[in-house]
Amino acid sequence: MQTPEAKNRYLPLGTNFTDTHPLLIDTEAAAEDIQSAAHQRIRAAADLLETFSCLTFEQADLKDISHITNALYLLVQDGCDLLEVAQTGMMQLTTTDAVKRTPSEQSQS
């Protein structure tokens, strides 16, 4: 059984198709690492779309189009999930930093 902290720390990717959620995002990972993972997935999707845009429909089998669409969905959805976690983490850091500042420091900004 997971502790409440573990449930909040590890968020399932939206592309999990099972109840056990084997693919998780560690919300305590460095924001740069989360953003890098998101960038990697979105870049791969963009590259695949670029390749796909060079093809004509006469060259592609319907089954191939379905496979490519599924791969694009997985890459983009995972990238969006990762970006949401990174954005939430950065917002929490900004809020925490603002709370830590003294009133005189806040008036200077």
C-alpha atoms as a PDB file:
ATOM      1  CA  MET A   1       0.000   0.000   0.000  1.00  0.00           C
ATOM      2  CA  GLN A   2       1.286   3.454  -0.901  1.00  0.00           C
ATOM      3  CA  THR A   3       1.692   6.184   1.655  1.00  0.00           C
ATOM      4  CA  PRO A   4      -0.115   9.500   1.001  1.00  0.00           C
ATOM      5  CA  GLU A   5       3.252  11.117   0.231  1.00  0.00           C
ATOM      6  CA  ALA A   6       3.992   8.471  -2.423  1.00  0.00           C
ATOM      7  CA  LYS A   7       0.570   8.999  -4.020  1.00  0.00           C
ATOM      8  CA  ASN A   8       1.244  12.729  -4.319  1.00  0.00           C
ATOM      9  CA  ARG A   9       4.839  12.244  -5.456  1.00  0.00           C
ATOM     10  CA  TYR A  10       4.201   9.833  -8.322  1.00  0.00           C
ATOM     11  CA  LEU A  11       1.581  10.826 -10.871  1.00  0.00           C
ATOM     12  CA  PRO A  12       0.450   8.403 -13.562  1.00  0.00           C
ATOM     13  CA  LEU A  13       0.853   9.352 -17.189  1.00  0.00           C
ATOM     14  CA  GLY A  14      -2.419   9.960 -18.993  1.00  0.00           C
ATOM     15  CA  THR A  15      -1.484   7.296 -21.540  1.00  0.00           C
ATOM     16  CA  ASN A  16      -1.662   4.456 -19.013  1.00  0.00           C
ATOM     17  CA  PHE A  17      -4.335   2.063 -20.205  1.00  0.00           C
ATOM     18  CA  THR A  18      -4.393  -0.138 -17.104  1.00  0.00           C
ATOM     19  CA  ASP A  19      -5.592   0.305 -13.540  1.00  0.00           C
ATOM     20  CA  THR A  20      -2.112  -0.289 -12.098  1.00  0.00           C
ATOM     21  CA  HIS A  21      -0.515   2.747 -13.814  1.00  0.00           C
ATOM     22  CA  PRO A  22       2.947   1.312 -14.562  1.00  0.00           C
ATOM     23  CA  LEU A  23       4.227   4.586 -16.046  1.00  0.00           C
ATOM     24  CA  LEU A  24       4.658   7.344 -13.480  1.00  0.00           C
ATOM     25  CA  ILE A  25       6.113  10.849 -13.261  1.00  0.00           C
ATOM     26  CA  ASP A  26       8.261  11.568 -10.215  1.00  0.00           C
ATOM     27  CA  THR A  27       7.025  15.037  -9.241  1.00  0.00           C
ATOM     28  CA  GLU A  28      10.114  15.510  -7.059  1.00  0.00           C
ATOM     29  CA  ALA A  29      12.521  15.049  -9.964  1.00  0.00           C
ATOM     30  CA  ALA A  30      14.469  18.127 -11.015  1.00  0.00           C
ATOM     31  CA  ALA A  31      12.346  20.478 -13.130  1.00  0.00           C
ATOM     32  CA  GLU A  32      15.066  20.465 -15.797  1.00  0.00           C
ATOM     33  CA  ASP A  33      14.851  16.663 -16.042  1.00  0.00           C
ATOM     34  CA  ILE A  34      11.062  16.728 -16.325  1.00  0.00           C
ATOM     35  CA  GLN A  35      11.225  19.450 -18.982  1.00  0.00           C
ATOM     36  CA  SER A  36      13.925  17.517 -20.835  1.00  0.00           C
ATOM     37  CA  ALA A  37      11.770  14.384 -20.901  1.00  0.00           C
ATOM     38  CA  ALA A  38       8.817  16.448 -22.163  1.00  0.00           C
ATOM     39  CA  HIS A  39      10.978  18.104 -24.828  1.00  0.00           C
ATOM     40  CA  GLN A  40      12.295  14.722 -25.984  1.00  0.00           C
ATOM     41  CA  ARG A  41       8.776  13.363 -26.496  1.00  0.00           C
ATOM     42  CA  ILE A  42       7.384  16.464 -28.180  1.00  0.00           C
ATOM     43  CA  ARG A  43      10.464  16.721 -30.435  1.00  0.00           C
ATOM     44  CA  ALA A  44      10.056  13.055 -31.432  1.00  0.00           C
ATOM     45  CA  ALA A  45       6.392  13.696 -32.263  1.00  0.00           C
ATOM     46  CA  ALA A  46       7.281  16.786 -34.312  1.00  0.00           C
ATOM     47  CA  ASP A  47       9.962  14.848 -36.191  1.00  0.00           C
ATOM     48  CA  LEU A  48       7.499  12.037 -36.898  1.00  0.00           C
ATOM     49  CA  LEU A  49       4.897  14.554 -38.107  1.00  0.00           C
ATOM     50  CA  GLU A  50       7.490  16.117 -40.404  1.00  0.00           C
ATOM     51  CA  THR A  51       8.279  12.705 -41.892  1.00  0.00           C
ATOM     52  CA  PHE A  52       4.592  11.895 -42.180  1.00  0.00           C
ATOM     53  CA  SER A  53       3.902  15.193 -43.959  1.00  0.00           C
ATOM     54  CA  CYS A  54       6.364  14.189 -46.703  1.00  0.00           C
ATOM     55  CA  LEU A  55       4.405  11.036 -47.488  1.00  0.00           C
ATOM     56  CA  THR A  56       1.382  10.800 -49.706  1.00  0.00           C
ATOM     57  CA  PHE A  57      -1.622   8.768 -48.690  1.00  0.00           C
ATOM     58  CA  GLU A  58      -1.022   6.485 -51.667  1.00  0.00           C
ATOM     59  CA  GLN A  59       2.270   5.446 -50.036  1.00  0.00           C
ATOM     60  CA  ALA A  60       0.737   4.619 -46.663  1.00  0.00           C
ATOM     61  CA  ASP A  61      -1.357   1.658 -45.627  1.00  0.00           C
ATOM     62  CA  LEU A  62      -4.328   2.369 -43.349  1.00  0.00           C
ATOM     63  CA  LYS A  63      -2.721   0.229 -40.659  1.00  0.00           C
ATOM     64  CA  ASP A  64       0.436   2.360 -40.864  1.00  0.00           C
ATOM     65  CA  ILE A  65      -1.579   5.562 -40.415  1.00  0.00           C
ATOM     66  CA  SER A  66      -3.203   4.088 -37.311  1.00  0.00           C
ATOM     67  CA  HIS A  67       0.196   3.096 -35.884  1.00  0.00           C
ATOM     68  CA  ILE A  68       1.669   6.535 -36.548  1.00  0.00           C
ATOM     69  CA  THR A  69      -1.360   8.280 -35.045  1.00  0.00           C
ATOM     70  CA  ASN A  70      -1.117   6.135 -31.913  1.00  0.00           C
ATOM     71  CA  ALA A  71       2.615   6.837 -31.551  1.00  0.00           C
ATOM     72  CA  LEU A  72       1.999  10.572 -31.960  1.00  0.00           C
ATOM     73  CA  TYR A  73      -0.761  10.491 -29.350  1.00  0.00           C
ATOM     74  CA  LEU A  74       1.466   8.709 -26.825  1.00  0.00           C
ATOM     75  CA  LEU A  75       4.393  11.059 -27.382  1.00  0.00           C
ATOM     76  CA  VAL A  76       2.371  14.275 -27.266  1.00  0.00           C
ATOM     77  CA  GLN A  77       0.185  13.244 -24.306  1.00  0.00           C
ATOM     78  CA  ASP A  78       3.211  12.122 -22.266  1.00  0.00           C
ATOM     79  CA  GLY A  79       4.974  15.384 -23.146  1.00  0.00           C
ATOM     80  CA  CYS A  80       1.942  17.414 -22.027  1.00  0.00           C
ATOM     81  CA  ASP A  81       1.673  15.453 -18.762  1.00  0.00           C
ATOM     82  CA  LEU A  82       5.352  16.092 -18.081  1.00  0.00           C
ATOM     83  CA  LEU A  83       5.037  19.802 -18.867  1.00  0.00           C
ATOM     84  CA  GLU A  84       2.082  20.105 -16.466  1.00  0.00           C
ATOM     85  CA  VAL A  85       4.152  18.550 -13.668  1.00  0.00           C
ATOM     86  CA  ALA A  86       7.113  20.813 -14.463  1.00  0.00           C
ATOM     87  CA  GLN A  87       4.881  23.890 -14.515  1.00  0.00           C
ATOM     88  CA  THR A  88       3.233  22.947 -11.219  1.00  0.00           C
ATOM     89  CA  GLY A  89       6.657  22.375  -9.661  1.00  0.00           C
ATOM     90  CA  MET A  90       7.927  25.741 -10.868  1.00  0.00           C
ATOM     91  CA  MET A  91       4.800  27.496  -9.598  1.00  0.00           C
ATOM     92  CA  GLN A  92       5.252  25.877  -6.184  1.00  0.00           C
ATOM     93  CA  LEU A  93       8.900  26.965  -6.099  1.00  0.00           C
ATOM     94  CA  THR A  94       7.942  30.518  -7.020  1.00  0.00           C
ATOM     95  CA  THR A  95       5.243  30.609  -4.345  1.00  0.00           C
ATOM     96  CA  THR A  96       7.569  29.122  -1.724  1.00  0.00           C
ATOM     97  CA  ASP A  97      10.294  31.610  -2.648  1.00  0.00           C
ATOM     98  CA  ALA A  98       7.848  34.530  -2.391  1.00  0.00           C
ATOM     99  CA  VAL A  99       6.673  33.374   1.047  1.00  0.00           C
ATOM    100  CA  LYS A 100      10.273  33.075   2.282  1.00  0.00           C
ATOM    101  CA  ARG A 101      11.147  36.648   1.312  1.00  0.00           C
ATOM    102  CA  THR A 102      10.889  39.313   3.967  1.00  0.00           C
ATOM    103  CA  PRO A 103       8.425  42.201   3.510  1.00  0.00           C
ATOM    104  CA  SER A 104      11.299  44.592   2.684  1.00  0.00           C
ATOM    105  CA  GLU A 105      12.581  42.203  -0.017  1.00  0.00           C
ATOM    106  CA  GLN A 106       9.063  41.951  -1.468  1.00  0.00           C
ATOM    107  CA  SER A 107       8.709  45.749  -1.704  1.00  0.00           C
ATOM    108  CA  GLN A 108      12.008  45.958  -3.609  1.00  0.00           C
ATOM    109  CA  SER A 109      10.757  43.678  -6.394  1.00  0.00           C
END
